[in-house]
Protein backbone atom coordinates (compact mmCIF):
# COMPACT_ATOMS: atom_id res chain seq x y z
CA UNK A 1 32.62 -39.32 42.71
CA UNK A 2 30.05 -39.55 39.83
CA UNK A 3 27.35 -40.88 42.41
CA UNK A 4 28.26 -37.97 44.71
CA UNK A 5 27.71 -35.43 42.35
CA UNK A 6 24.55 -36.65 41.25
CA UNK A 7 22.95 -36.63 44.55
CA UNK A 8 24.31 -32.92 45.45
CA UNK A 9 23.64 -31.85 41.63
CA UNK A 10 19.86 -33.55 41.56
CA UNK A 11 19.28 -31.29 45.50
CA UNK A 12 20.75 -28.32 44.44
CA UNK A 13 18.16 -28.42 41.11
CA UNK A 14 15.17 -28.47 43.41
CA UNK A 15 16.38 -25.43 45.76
CA UNK A 16 17.04 -23.55 42.85
CA UNK A 17 13.62 -24.12 41.34
CA UNK A 18 11.98 -23.19 44.78
CA UNK A 19 13.94 -20.04 44.42
CA UNK A 20 12.42 -19.60 41.14
CA UNK A 21 8.91 -19.67 42.44
CA UNK A 22 9.83 -17.38 45.11
CA UNK A 23 10.98 -14.79 42.44
CA UNK A 24 7.78 -15.04 40.16
CA UNK A 25 5.48 -14.52 43.64
CA UNK A 26 7.55 -11.32 44.09
CA UNK A 27 6.19 -9.88 40.32
CA UNK A 28 2.87 -9.04 42.45
CA UNK A 29 4.61 -6.75 44.06
CA UNK A 30 5.97 -4.24 40.84
CA UNK A 31 2.29 -5.24 39.04
CA UNK A 32 0.46 -3.84 42.64
CA UNK A 33 2.74 -0.83 42.73
CA UNK A 34 2.57 0.24 39.67
CA UNK A 35 6.45 -0.23 38.72
CA UNK A 36 6.11 -2.06 35.71
CA UNK A 37 10.10 -1.07 34.47
CA UNK A 38 10.12 -4.11 37.13
CA UNK A 39 8.94 -6.78 35.45
CA UNK A 40 10.96 -8.28 32.87
CA UNK A 41 14.22 -8.25 35.44
CA UNK A 42 12.44 -10.61 38.26
CA UNK A 43 10.49 -12.19 35.13
CA UNK A 44 14.56 -13.18 33.55
CA UNK A 45 15.37 -13.88 37.04
CA UNK A 46 13.12 -16.28 37.91
CA UNK A 47 13.72 -18.33 34.53
CA UNK A 48 17.53 -18.44 35.02
CA UNK A 49 17.33 -20.37 38.47
CA UNK A 50 14.03 -22.29 36.81
CA UNK A 51 16.05 -23.65 33.73
CA UNK A 52 19.14 -24.33 36.07
CA UNK A 53 17.26 -26.28 38.67
CA UNK A 54 14.72 -28.30 35.94
CA UNK A 55 17.97 -29.19 34.40
CA UNK A 56 20.24 -30.54 37.31
CA UNK A 57 17.14 -32.04 38.61
CA UNK A 58 16.17 -34.30 35.64
CA UNK A 59 18.94 -34.93 34.94
CA UNK A 60 20.05 -36.30 38.07
CA UNK A 61 16.87 -37.86 38.80
CA UNK A 62 17.76 -41.59 40.06
CA UNK A 63 20.72 -40.48 41.52
CA UNK A 64 20.52 -41.94 45.44
CA UNK A 65 19.12 -40.27 48.41
CA UNK A 66 21.90 -38.23 50.10
CA UNK A 67 23.77 -39.58 53.48
CA UNK A 68 25.25 -37.26 56.01
CA UNK A 69 28.72 -35.99 53.86
CA UNK A 70 26.04 -35.39 50.74
CA UNK A 71 23.84 -33.56 53.37
CA UNK A 72 26.30 -30.91 54.74
CA UNK A 73 28.08 -30.72 50.91
CA UNK A 74 24.23 -29.90 49.69
CA UNK A 75 23.55 -27.40 52.06
CA UNK A 76 26.70 -25.31 52.27
CA UNK A 77 26.44 -25.05 48.43
CA UNK A 78 22.99 -24.66 47.79
CA UNK A 79 22.59 -21.53 50.40
CA UNK A 80 25.69 -20.20 48.11
CA UNK A 81 24.00 -20.67 44.92
CA UNK A 82 20.76 -19.66 46.21
CA UNK A 83 22.43 -16.58 47.59
CA UNK A 84 24.30 -16.39 44.27
CA UNK A 85 21.35 -16.56 42.54
CA UNK A 86 18.96 -14.50 44.41
CA UNK A 87 21.16 -11.73 43.63
CA UNK A 88 20.31 -11.38 40.39
CA UNK A 89 17.43 -9.16 40.62
CA UNK A 90 19.30 -6.37 41.98
CA UNK A 91 21.46 -6.45 39.33
CA UNK A 92 19.15 -6.76 36.32
CA UNK A 93 16.79 -3.78 38.54
CA UNK A 94 20.05 -1.42 38.60
CA UNK A 95 21.08 -2.07 34.34
CA UNK A 96 17.38 -1.76 33.23
CA UNK A 97 16.82 1.74 35.63
CA UNK A 98 20.68 2.65 34.28
CA UNK A 99 19.70 1.69 30.65
CA UNK A 100 15.68 4.23 30.99
CA UNK A 101 17.26 7.14 33.63
CA UNK A 102 14.15 9.24 32.99
CA UNK A 103 11.97 6.39 34.49
CA UNK A 104 13.10 7.74 38.04
CA UNK A 105 11.38 10.71 37.77
CA UNK A 106 7.81 8.98 38.29
CA UNK A 107 7.52 9.36 41.68
CA UNK A 108 5.36 6.40 42.22
CA UNK A 109 8.49 3.97 41.47
CA UNK A 110 10.33 4.43 44.57
CA UNK A 111 8.82 4.96 48.27
CA UNK A 112 9.92 8.28 49.33
CA UNK A 113 9.63 11.33 47.11
CA UNK A 114 12.84 13.57 46.85
CA UNK A 115 14.96 10.57 48.18
CA UNK A 116 14.59 9.29 44.50
CA UNK A 117 18.53 9.12 43.98
CA UNK A 118 19.88 6.84 41.37
CA UNK A 119 22.95 6.27 43.51
CA UNK A 120 21.67 3.70 45.81
CA UNK A 121 20.07 1.40 42.96
CA UNK A 122 23.27 2.14 40.67
CA UNK A 123 25.52 -0.35 43.74
CA UNK A 124 23.84 -2.77 42.33
CA UNK A 125 25.53 -2.64 39.34
CA UNK A 126 28.55 -3.91 40.50
CA UNK A 127 27.28 -7.83 41.10
CA UNK A 128 29.38 -8.41 44.22
CA UNK A 129 27.28 -5.69 46.21
CA UNK A 130 23.98 -7.79 44.64
CA UNK A 131 25.82 -11.09 45.83
CA UNK A 132 25.85 -9.70 49.35
CA UNK A 133 22.85 -8.25 49.27
CA UNK A 134 21.49 -11.59 48.92
CA UNK A 135 23.29 -13.26 50.83
CA UNK A 136 22.88 -10.91 53.53
CA UNK A 137 19.14 -11.29 53.13
CA UNK A 138 19.29 -14.99 52.91
CA UNK A 139 21.77 -15.74 55.84
CA UNK A 140 19.05 -13.16 58.32
CA UNK A 141 22.06 -10.53 58.71
CA UNK A 142 20.64 -7.61 57.16
CA UNK A 143 23.94 -5.37 56.46
CA UNK A 144 23.31 -3.94 53.38
CA UNK A 145 25.04 -2.58 50.76
CA UNK A 146 22.47 -0.19 50.24
CA UNK A 147 22.86 3.90 51.16
CA UNK A 148 19.78 4.82 51.54
CA UNK A 149 17.14 1.80 51.90
CA UNK A 150 14.03 4.39 51.26
CA UNK A 151 15.55 5.11 47.75
CA UNK A 152 14.51 1.67 46.51
CA UNK A 153 12.02 0.12 44.09
CA UNK A 154 9.20 -1.54 46.46
CA UNK A 155 10.14 -4.22 44.35
CA UNK A 156 13.77 -4.75 45.43
CA UNK A 157 12.29 -3.36 49.57
CA UNK A 158 10.16 -6.48 49.28
CA UNK A 159 12.43 -8.75 47.56
CA UNK A 160 15.29 -7.71 50.60
CA UNK A 161 12.30 -8.80 52.78
CA UNK A 162 11.35 -11.94 51.41
CA UNK A 163 14.81 -13.40 50.95
CA UNK A 164 15.26 -12.63 54.84
CA UNK A 165 11.90 -13.93 55.94
CA UNK A 166 12.33 -17.67 53.65
CA UNK A 167 15.99 -17.77 55.27
CA UNK A 168 14.82 -17.02 58.45
CA UNK A 169 13.54 -20.64 58.67
CA UNK A 170 15.69 -21.98 56.14
CA UNK A 171 16.05 -22.51 52.19
CA UNK A 172 16.08 -26.52 52.75
CA UNK A 173 13.43 -26.21 55.12
CA UNK A 174 11.33 -24.52 52.62
CA UNK A 175 12.18 -27.17 49.36
CA UNK A 176 11.61 -29.73 52.00
CA UNK A 177 7.83 -27.89 52.71
CA UNK A 178 7.11 -27.90 48.94
CA UNK A 179 9.13 -30.28 47.07
CA UNK A 180 8.84 -33.03 49.91
CA UNK A 181 9.45 -36.49 48.78
CA UNK A 182 9.72 -39.66 51.40
CA UNK A 183 12.41 -41.20 52.53
CA UNK A 184 15.47 -40.39 54.70
CA UNK A 185 16.89 -37.87 52.24
CA UNK A 186 14.75 -34.52 53.51
CA UNK A 187 15.54 -35.49 57.56
CA UNK A 188 19.57 -35.82 56.09
CA UNK A 189 19.21 -32.48 54.27
CA UNK A 190 16.91 -31.11 57.04
CA UNK A 191 19.42 -32.12 59.69
CA UNK A 192 22.63 -30.77 57.54
CA UNK A 193 21.09 -26.93 57.82
CA UNK A 194 21.71 -26.54 61.27
CA UNK A 195 18.75 -27.96 62.25
CA UNK A 196 17.84 -31.03 64.95
CA UNK A 197 14.43 -30.35 66.51
CA UNK A 198 11.73 -32.70 65.18
CA UNK A 199 8.00 -31.82 65.64
CA UNK A 200 6.77 -34.63 64.67
CA UNK A 201 7.78 -37.77 63.47
CA UNK A 202 7.36 -36.68 59.80
CA UNK A 203 10.09 -34.76 58.81
CA UNK A 204 8.06 -32.86 55.95
CA UNK A 205 5.26 -32.42 58.69
CA UNK A 206 7.39 -30.70 60.69
CA UNK A 207 8.86 -28.00 58.53
CA UNK A 208 5.05 -27.60 57.13
CA UNK A 209 3.94 -27.00 60.78
CA UNK A 210 7.60 -24.82 61.26
CA UNK A 211 5.70 -22.40 58.15
CA UNK A 212 2.38 -22.53 59.47
CA UNK A 213 3.37 -21.16 63.11
CA UNK A 214 5.73 -18.51 61.06
CA UNK A 215 3.28 -17.37 58.85
CA UNK A 216 0.63 -17.21 61.82
CA UNK A 217 3.47 -14.74 63.45
CA UNK A 218 4.24 -12.70 60.88
CA UNK A 219 0.46 -11.81 60.66
CA UNK A 220 0.37 -11.16 63.94
CA UNK A 221 3.40 -8.97 63.92
CA UNK A 222 2.24 -7.13 61.24
CA UNK A 223 -0.61 -6.16 63.01
CA UNK A 224 1.13 -5.31 65.85
CA UNK A 225 3.62 -2.84 64.20
CA UNK A 226 0.50 -1.22 62.24
CA UNK A 227 -1.12 -0.54 65.70
CA UNK A 228 1.86 1.21 67.20
CA UNK A 229 1.61 3.40 64.30
CA UNK A 230 3.94 1.76 62.13
CA UNK A 231 2.44 2.61 58.11
CA UNK A 232 1.05 -0.31 56.34
CA UNK A 233 3.61 -1.47 54.07
CA UNK A 234 6.70 -0.59 56.92
CA UNK A 235 4.44 -2.92 58.90
CA UNK A 236 4.22 -5.45 56.64
CA UNK A 237 8.24 -5.35 55.53
CA UNK A 238 9.45 -5.05 59.21
CA UNK A 239 7.37 -8.08 60.42
CA UNK A 240 9.18 -10.02 57.90
CA UNK A 241 12.53 -9.21 58.93
CA UNK A 242 11.61 -9.02 62.79
CA UNK A 243 10.32 -11.76 63.02
CA UNK A 244 12.97 -13.55 60.77
CA UNK A 245 15.87 -11.83 62.91
CA UNK A 246 17.25 -11.02 59.53
CA UNK A 247 17.13 -6.47 60.24
CA UNK A 248 16.60 -5.23 56.76
CA UNK A 249 14.72 -2.52 56.76
CA UNK A 250 13.00 -0.08 54.38
CA UNK A 251 14.23 2.94 55.89
CA UNK A 252 17.52 5.03 55.84
CA UNK A 253 18.02 4.74 59.65
CA UNK A 254 16.53 1.63 60.02
CA UNK A 255 13.51 2.15 63.56
CA UNK A 256 15.15 5.29 64.48
CA UNK A 257 13.82 6.72 61.51
CA UNK A 258 9.98 6.79 63.50
CA UNK A 259 11.42 8.09 66.83
CA UNK A 260 8.47 6.10 68.42
CA UNK A 261 8.96 4.50 71.68
CA UNK A 262 5.29 2.87 70.77
CA UNK A 263 6.98 1.18 67.93
CA UNK A 264 10.33 0.46 69.40
CA UNK A 265 8.59 -1.65 72.56
CA UNK A 266 5.92 -3.20 69.71
CA UNK A 267 9.29 -4.78 68.14
CA UNK A 268 10.46 -6.51 71.12
CA UNK A 269 7.77 -9.27 71.41
CA UNK A 270 8.54 -9.67 67.45
CA UNK A 271 12.09 -9.88 67.86
CA UNK A 272 11.55 -12.36 71.00
CA UNK A 273 9.05 -14.75 69.26
CA UNK A 274 12.00 -15.51 66.54
CA UNK A 275 14.43 -16.28 69.50
CA UNK A 276 12.38 -19.25 70.92
CA UNK A 277 12.68 -22.44 69.37
CA UNK A 278 10.18 -23.76 66.96
CA UNK A 279 8.95 -26.76 69.20
CA UNK A 280 8.17 -24.55 72.08
CA UNK A 281 5.94 -21.85 69.87
CA UNK A 282 3.97 -25.55 68.86
CA UNK A 283 3.83 -26.67 72.00
CA UNK A 284 3.00 -23.17 73.49
CA UNK A 285 0.29 -22.65 70.87
CA UNK A 286 -1.52 -26.15 71.59
CA UNK A 287 -2.19 -24.74 75.30
CA UNK A 288 1.25 -26.08 77.29
CA UNK A 289 2.20 -22.99 78.15
CA UNK A 290 4.81 -24.51 81.09
CA UNK A 291 7.72 -24.82 78.36
CA UNK A 292 7.77 -21.39 78.48
CA UNK A 293 9.57 -21.75 82.29
CA UNK A 294 10.27 -25.32 81.55
CA UNK A 295 12.19 -26.07 78.85
CA UNK A 296 15.95 -24.65 79.64
CA UNK A 297 16.78 -22.89 76.43
CA UNK A 298 13.79 -20.65 76.79
CA UNK A 299 14.15 -19.49 80.29
CA UNK A 300 18.12 -18.81 79.52
CA UNK A 301 16.59 -16.39 76.43
CA UNK A 302 14.25 -14.11 78.90
CA UNK A 303 17.40 -14.63 81.50
CA UNK A 304 20.32 -13.66 79.26
CA UNK A 305 18.36 -10.49 77.40
CA UNK A 306 17.43 -9.33 80.92
CA UNK A 307 20.75 -9.45 82.38
CA UNK A 308 22.06 -8.25 78.76
CA UNK A 309 20.03 -4.90 79.03
CA UNK A 310 20.50 -4.78 82.71
CA UNK A 311 24.64 -4.52 82.05
CA UNK A 312 24.21 -2.24 78.87
CA UNK A 313 21.62 -0.03 81.09
CA UNK A 314 24.30 0.56 83.73
CA UNK A 315 26.81 1.15 80.82
CA UNK A 316 24.59 3.18 79.51
CA UNK A 317 24.06 5.23 82.40
CA UNK A 318 27.33 5.76 83.88
CA UNK A 319 28.29 7.37 80.07
CA UNK A 320 25.66 9.72 80.32
CA UNK A 321 24.35 9.11 76.96
CA UNK A 322 21.10 9.75 77.10
CA UNK A 323 20.63 12.30 79.51
CA UNK A 324 16.85 13.58 79.06
CA UNK A 325 15.10 16.77 80.41
CA UNK A 326 11.51 15.27 80.17
CA UNK A 327 9.90 12.31 77.99
CA UNK A 328 6.66 11.48 77.54
CA UNK A 329 5.79 7.83 78.70
CA UNK A 330 2.33 6.71 77.48
CA UNK A 331 0.71 10.79 77.46
CA UNK A 332 2.54 11.14 80.71
CA UNK A 333 5.73 13.40 81.17
CA UNK A 334 8.11 12.88 82.98
CA UNK A 335 11.07 14.66 84.11
CA UNK A 336 14.46 14.92 85.26
CA UNK A 337 16.35 11.25 86.27
CA UNK A 338 13.22 9.56 85.72
CA UNK A 339 13.12 10.40 82.33
CA UNK A 340 16.76 9.61 81.58
CA UNK A 341 16.33 6.44 83.41
CA UNK A 342 13.08 5.47 80.49
CA UNK A 343 15.71 6.75 77.67
CA UNK A 344 18.40 4.36 78.52
CA UNK A 345 15.96 1.77 79.70
CA UNK A 346 14.48 2.16 76.64
CA UNK A 347 17.59 2.09 73.70
CA UNK A 348 19.34 -0.85 75.86
CA UNK A 349 16.72 -2.94 76.16
CA UNK A 350 15.65 -2.72 71.95
CA UNK A 351 19.56 -2.43 71.36
CA UNK A 352 20.21 -5.81 73.12
CA UNK A 353 16.95 -7.66 72.22
CA UNK A 354 18.40 -6.86 68.74
CA UNK A 355 21.51 -7.79 69.14
CA UNK A 356 21.03 -11.18 71.32
CA UNK A 357 18.30 -11.96 69.20
CA UNK A 358 20.26 -11.24 65.72
CA UNK A 359 18.11 -9.35 64.27
CA UNK A 360 19.98 -6.36 64.05
CA UNK A 361 16.91 -3.11 64.08
CA UNK A 362 19.19 -0.10 65.08
CA UNK A 363 17.25 3.03 67.65
CA UNK A 364 21.04 3.79 68.27
CA UNK A 365 22.08 5.10 65.01
CA UNK A 366 25.51 3.44 64.10
CA UNK A 367 26.67 2.24 67.11
CA UNK A 368 30.12 3.61 66.67
CA UNK A 369 29.21 6.77 66.90
CA UNK A 370 28.83 7.66 70.31
CA UNK A 371 28.40 4.92 72.31
CA UNK A 372 31.85 3.68 74.54
CA UNK A 373 33.71 0.23 74.07
CA UNK A 374 32.55 -1.13 77.01
CA UNK A 375 28.61 -0.54 75.61
CA UNK A 376 29.71 -1.73 72.13
CA UNK A 377 31.77 -4.77 73.30
CA UNK A 378 28.42 -5.20 75.71
CA UNK A 379 26.18 -5.39 72.60
CA UNK A 380 29.05 -7.82 70.60
CA UNK A 381 28.43 -10.48 73.49
CA UNK A 382 24.69 -11.03 72.52
CA UNK A 383 25.57 -11.00 68.77
CA UNK A 384 27.95 -13.45 69.84
CA UNK A 385 25.86 -15.74 71.94
CA UNK A 386 22.65 -15.35 70.02
CA UNK A 387 19.53 -17.28 71.48
CA UNK A 388 17.68 -20.54 71.17
CA UNK A 389 19.08 -23.42 68.33
CA UNK A 390 16.02 -24.33 66.79
CA UNK A 391 14.31 -20.79 66.43
CA UNK A 392 15.31 -18.37 63.50
CA UNK A 393 19.05 -16.87 65.43
CA UNK A 394 22.39 -16.82 64.69
CA UNK A 395 25.49 -16.68 66.63
CA UNK A 396 26.87 -19.49 68.49
CA UNK A 397 23.48 -20.13 70.38
CA UNK A 398 22.76 -20.57 74.72
CA UNK A 399 22.41 -24.05 74.53
CA UNK A 400 26.00 -24.09 73.75
CA UNK A 401 27.30 -22.10 75.69
CA UNK A 402 25.50 -23.22 78.70
CA UNK A 403 26.80 -26.65 77.78
CA UNK A 404 29.97 -25.15 77.97
CA UNK A 405 29.75 -23.80 81.59
CA UNK A 406 28.13 -26.51 82.32
CA UNK A 407 30.92 -29.12 80.95
CA UNK A 408 34.00 -27.39 82.63
CA UNK A 409 32.24 -27.10 85.88
CA UNK A 410 31.47 -30.36 85.68
CA UNK A 411 34.89 -31.76 84.80
CA UNK A 412 36.77 -29.46 87.90
CA UNK A 413 34.08 -30.71 90.22
CA UNK A 414 35.50 -34.30 88.99
CA UNK A 415 38.45 -33.41 90.32
CA UNK A 416 36.81 -33.71 94.31
CA UNK A 417 35.12 -36.66 93.49
CA UNK A 418 37.29 -40.77 93.49
CA UNK A 419 38.57 -42.09 90.43
CA UNK A 420 35.84 -45.15 90.89
CA UNK A 421 32.56 -42.53 91.31
CA UNK A 422 29.49 -42.74 89.22
CA UNK A 423 28.36 -39.58 88.26
CA UNK A 424 25.71 -37.71 85.91
CA UNK A 425 25.71 -35.08 83.64
CA UNK A 426 22.34 -33.24 83.48
CA UNK A 427 21.59 -30.75 80.84
CA UNK A 428 18.23 -29.73 79.45
CA UNK A 429 16.40 -32.18 81.98
CA UNK A 430 18.18 -35.58 80.34
CA UNK A 431 20.68 -37.35 82.18
CA UNK A 432 23.56 -37.90 80.31
CA UNK A 433 26.14 -40.64 80.44
CA UNK A 434 30.04 -40.11 80.41
CA UNK A 435 30.47 -40.57 76.55
CA UNK A 436 27.30 -38.77 76.17
CA UNK A 437 28.23 -35.80 77.99
CA UNK A 438 31.71 -35.49 76.30
CA UNK A 439 30.06 -35.67 73.00
CA UNK A 440 28.03 -33.21 73.52
CA UNK A 441 30.97 -30.93 75.39
CA UNK A 442 32.97 -32.14 72.36
CA UNK A 443 30.67 -30.59 69.76
CA UNK A 444 30.09 -27.58 71.84
CA UNK A 445 33.96 -26.60 71.99
CA UNK A 446 34.80 -27.50 69.07
CA UNK A 447 31.48 -25.10 67.48
CA UNK A 448 32.93 -22.47 69.71
CA UNK A 449 36.19 -23.08 68.89
CA UNK A 450 35.96 -22.58 64.85
CA UNK A 451 33.79 -19.29 65.58
CA UNK A 452 36.03 -17.46 67.23
CA UNK A 453 39.01 -19.05 65.17
CA UNK A 454 36.93 -17.45 62.03
CA UNK A 455 36.04 -14.06 63.73
CA UNK A 456 39.22 -13.52 64.94
CA UNK A 457 40.74 -14.46 60.84
CA UNK A 458 37.91 -11.52 59.48
CA UNK A 459 39.17 -9.02 62.64
CA UNK A 460 42.77 -9.37 60.99
CA UNK A 461 41.88 -8.88 57.43
CA UNK A 462 39.64 -5.93 58.44
CA UNK A 463 42.34 -4.21 60.62
CA UNK A 464 44.51 -4.61 57.62
CA UNK A 465 42.16 -3.58 54.93
CA UNK A 466 40.61 -0.02 56.26
CA UNK A 467 41.82 2.76 58.41
CA UNK A 468 42.53 2.48 61.90
CA UNK A 469 43.29 4.73 64.63
CA UNK A 470 41.77 7.78 66.55
CA UNK A 471 40.36 9.62 63.61
CA UNK A 472 39.03 6.20 61.91
CA UNK A 473 38.15 2.96 63.12
CA UNK A 474 38.56 1.13 66.34
CA UNK A 475 39.58 -2.21 66.98
CA UNK A 476 36.37 -2.53 68.98
CA UNK A 477 34.61 -1.12 66.09
CA UNK A 478 36.14 -3.75 63.99
CA UNK A 479 35.57 -6.62 66.45
CA UNK A 480 31.53 -5.78 66.37
CA UNK A 481 31.04 -5.52 62.38
CA UNK A 482 32.72 -8.65 62.52
CA UNK A 483 30.56 -9.94 65.09
CA UNK A 484 27.50 -8.52 63.27
CA UNK A 485 28.13 -10.59 60.13
CA UNK A 486 29.60 -13.91 61.38
CA UNK A 487 26.48 -13.98 64.27
CA UNK A 488 24.38 -13.21 61.25
CA UNK A 489 22.48 -9.88 63.06
CA UNK A 490 23.37 -6.68 60.88
CA UNK A 491 24.16 -3.98 63.95
CA UNK A 492 26.63 -2.29 62.29
CA UNK A 493 29.39 0.67 63.79
CA UNK A 494 29.63 2.46 60.07
CA UNK A 495 32.01 0.01 58.46
CA UNK A 496 29.79 -1.62 56.45
CA UNK A 497 29.07 -0.12 52.83
CA UNK A 498 29.34 -0.39 48.93
CA UNK A 499 32.48 2.02 49.73
CA UNK A 500 34.36 -1.48 51.32
CA UNK A 501 37.17 -2.78 49.88
CA UNK A 502 36.75 -5.99 47.74
CA UNK A 503 38.33 -7.99 50.35
CA UNK A 504 36.26 -6.91 52.85
CA UNK A 505 32.80 -7.61 51.22
CA UNK A 506 34.46 -11.36 49.94
CA UNK A 507 35.41 -11.71 53.75
CA UNK A 508 31.97 -11.05 55.10
CA UNK A 509 30.35 -13.07 52.65
CA UNK A 510 32.33 -15.73 53.84
CA UNK A 511 31.18 -15.25 57.54
CA UNK A 512 27.62 -14.78 56.74
CA UNK A 513 27.81 -18.08 54.64
CA UNK A 514 29.28 -19.89 58.06
CA UNK A 515 27.22 -18.20 60.20
CA UNK A 516 24.32 -19.71 58.75
CA UNK A 517 25.09 -22.87 58.57
CA UNK A 518 26.92 -23.12 61.78
CA UNK A 519 30.90 -23.87 59.86
CA UNK A 520 30.84 -27.34 59.87
CA UNK A 521 28.82 -27.77 56.59
CA UNK A 522 31.17 -25.10 54.68
CA UNK A 523 34.04 -26.91 55.73
CA UNK A 524 33.39 -29.95 54.87
CA UNK A 525 31.67 -28.64 51.38
CA UNK A 526 35.87 -27.39 50.84
CA UNK A 527 37.80 -30.39 52.03
CA UNK A 528 35.44 -32.01 49.37
CA UNK A 529 36.23 -29.54 46.55
CA UNK A 530 40.02 -29.18 47.40
CA UNK A 531 39.94 -33.21 47.57
CA UNK A 532 37.80 -33.21 44.28
CA UNK A 533 40.25 -30.77 42.53
CA UNK A 534 43.40 -32.88 43.80
CA UNK A 535 44.36 -29.98 45.45
CA UNK A 536 45.83 -32.29 48.00
CA UNK A 537 46.10 -36.21 48.64
């Protein structure tokens, strides 16, 4: 037991050291924007995980490399601790402002003149709200406790975007890239973070290549959004959270704030880039463009986005939600049914891609206000499924859905074959034996089953804790919000906010945590803790 705890503590220390580095780098932001009052809060926020991390790593420096069990426990506890320590900047900044409210009168302190309300920042004086915001950021969820993101200091706007950008690739991936060590330990931790794809034989080379690809696409996304008309600060933040498929915004109404079709369409490729597995990006950048259509997952990403958009467009057209007399398209004004069709496709495409890529940007406002149950449930289905494994998205993942569908059909067709017939199960270009096929099908079925179980548990908790009924929230609102949290999406029907009951905030924290790590590592950690505490034999 002592050896196990030493291995876990040593690697948790490494993760906290990496977190401290992120906070110290972020001190540049208040210096650039003149928000000097935030600097002490950021420095203290960085010193805390640095001291704890150094102590753990040096104390258990000679602990054994992690095995599979260690890896899962490190991943689950590491993400929890990183989110907890990552919440300190929110807490300290809020209390710093409370101690000197006069600083709020300085226009340069906050982003948008006229929106500098202390109430937005004051929400983070509650440690649970800061923890929620940090967990939402690192897990790439994007649900927020800020009632007006534009009223936050630039420093906290940046910190929200930065942790979401890092969390999109993975905290362990970051730690492995900058604090690399030889041996099998890095591979074990990498795989425990719900990743299995390798670009190079060396796992350290793989994670560093992933980060180079991510940096390249980030700069491309910033440039694209800036050309589309988004201000540079906004473009930097939305490029980071869009590519990480996280969805945090620095405006109060997400992307709807801009009311620009050009910006909407510019964000589509950014979200799609985040939905495709990193090995495919690497091969495409190497010049092998065939993978955009030969890779099963990538093919299905585009197909899923197209089919979902078509279905949502049909639902919204039938509802008549975007009836428009005229609209300007690329300098040309269209009228009547053509204008209505354009607006409907525009919003349906953006919202379904945002949902299925698990990004969570919104152009349609709170999706609970005005959209019918079929429209909300169509978007919720996209959130539950997600896009490609090996990308930055959440959800069950398309490859698991495909495995389940093909596996069920394979079993049904098997009834019509003789018992001694030799059949081959093919998946993603691989020919699998009966044992291999059963293993793939079993894994997909277990993850999907657990995902739906916890979705149901959270929905039950919410229906007990919040007002339900025609004049309050509906069942589809609840299912939508819970699917958004557990799928690490961030779209909201209007339920999430600082006024939520404490039990629902705690439930969402759990949903976001298990959603990012695909449930199993968290259950392994909890089982290990219960066993250590002798809760059961």
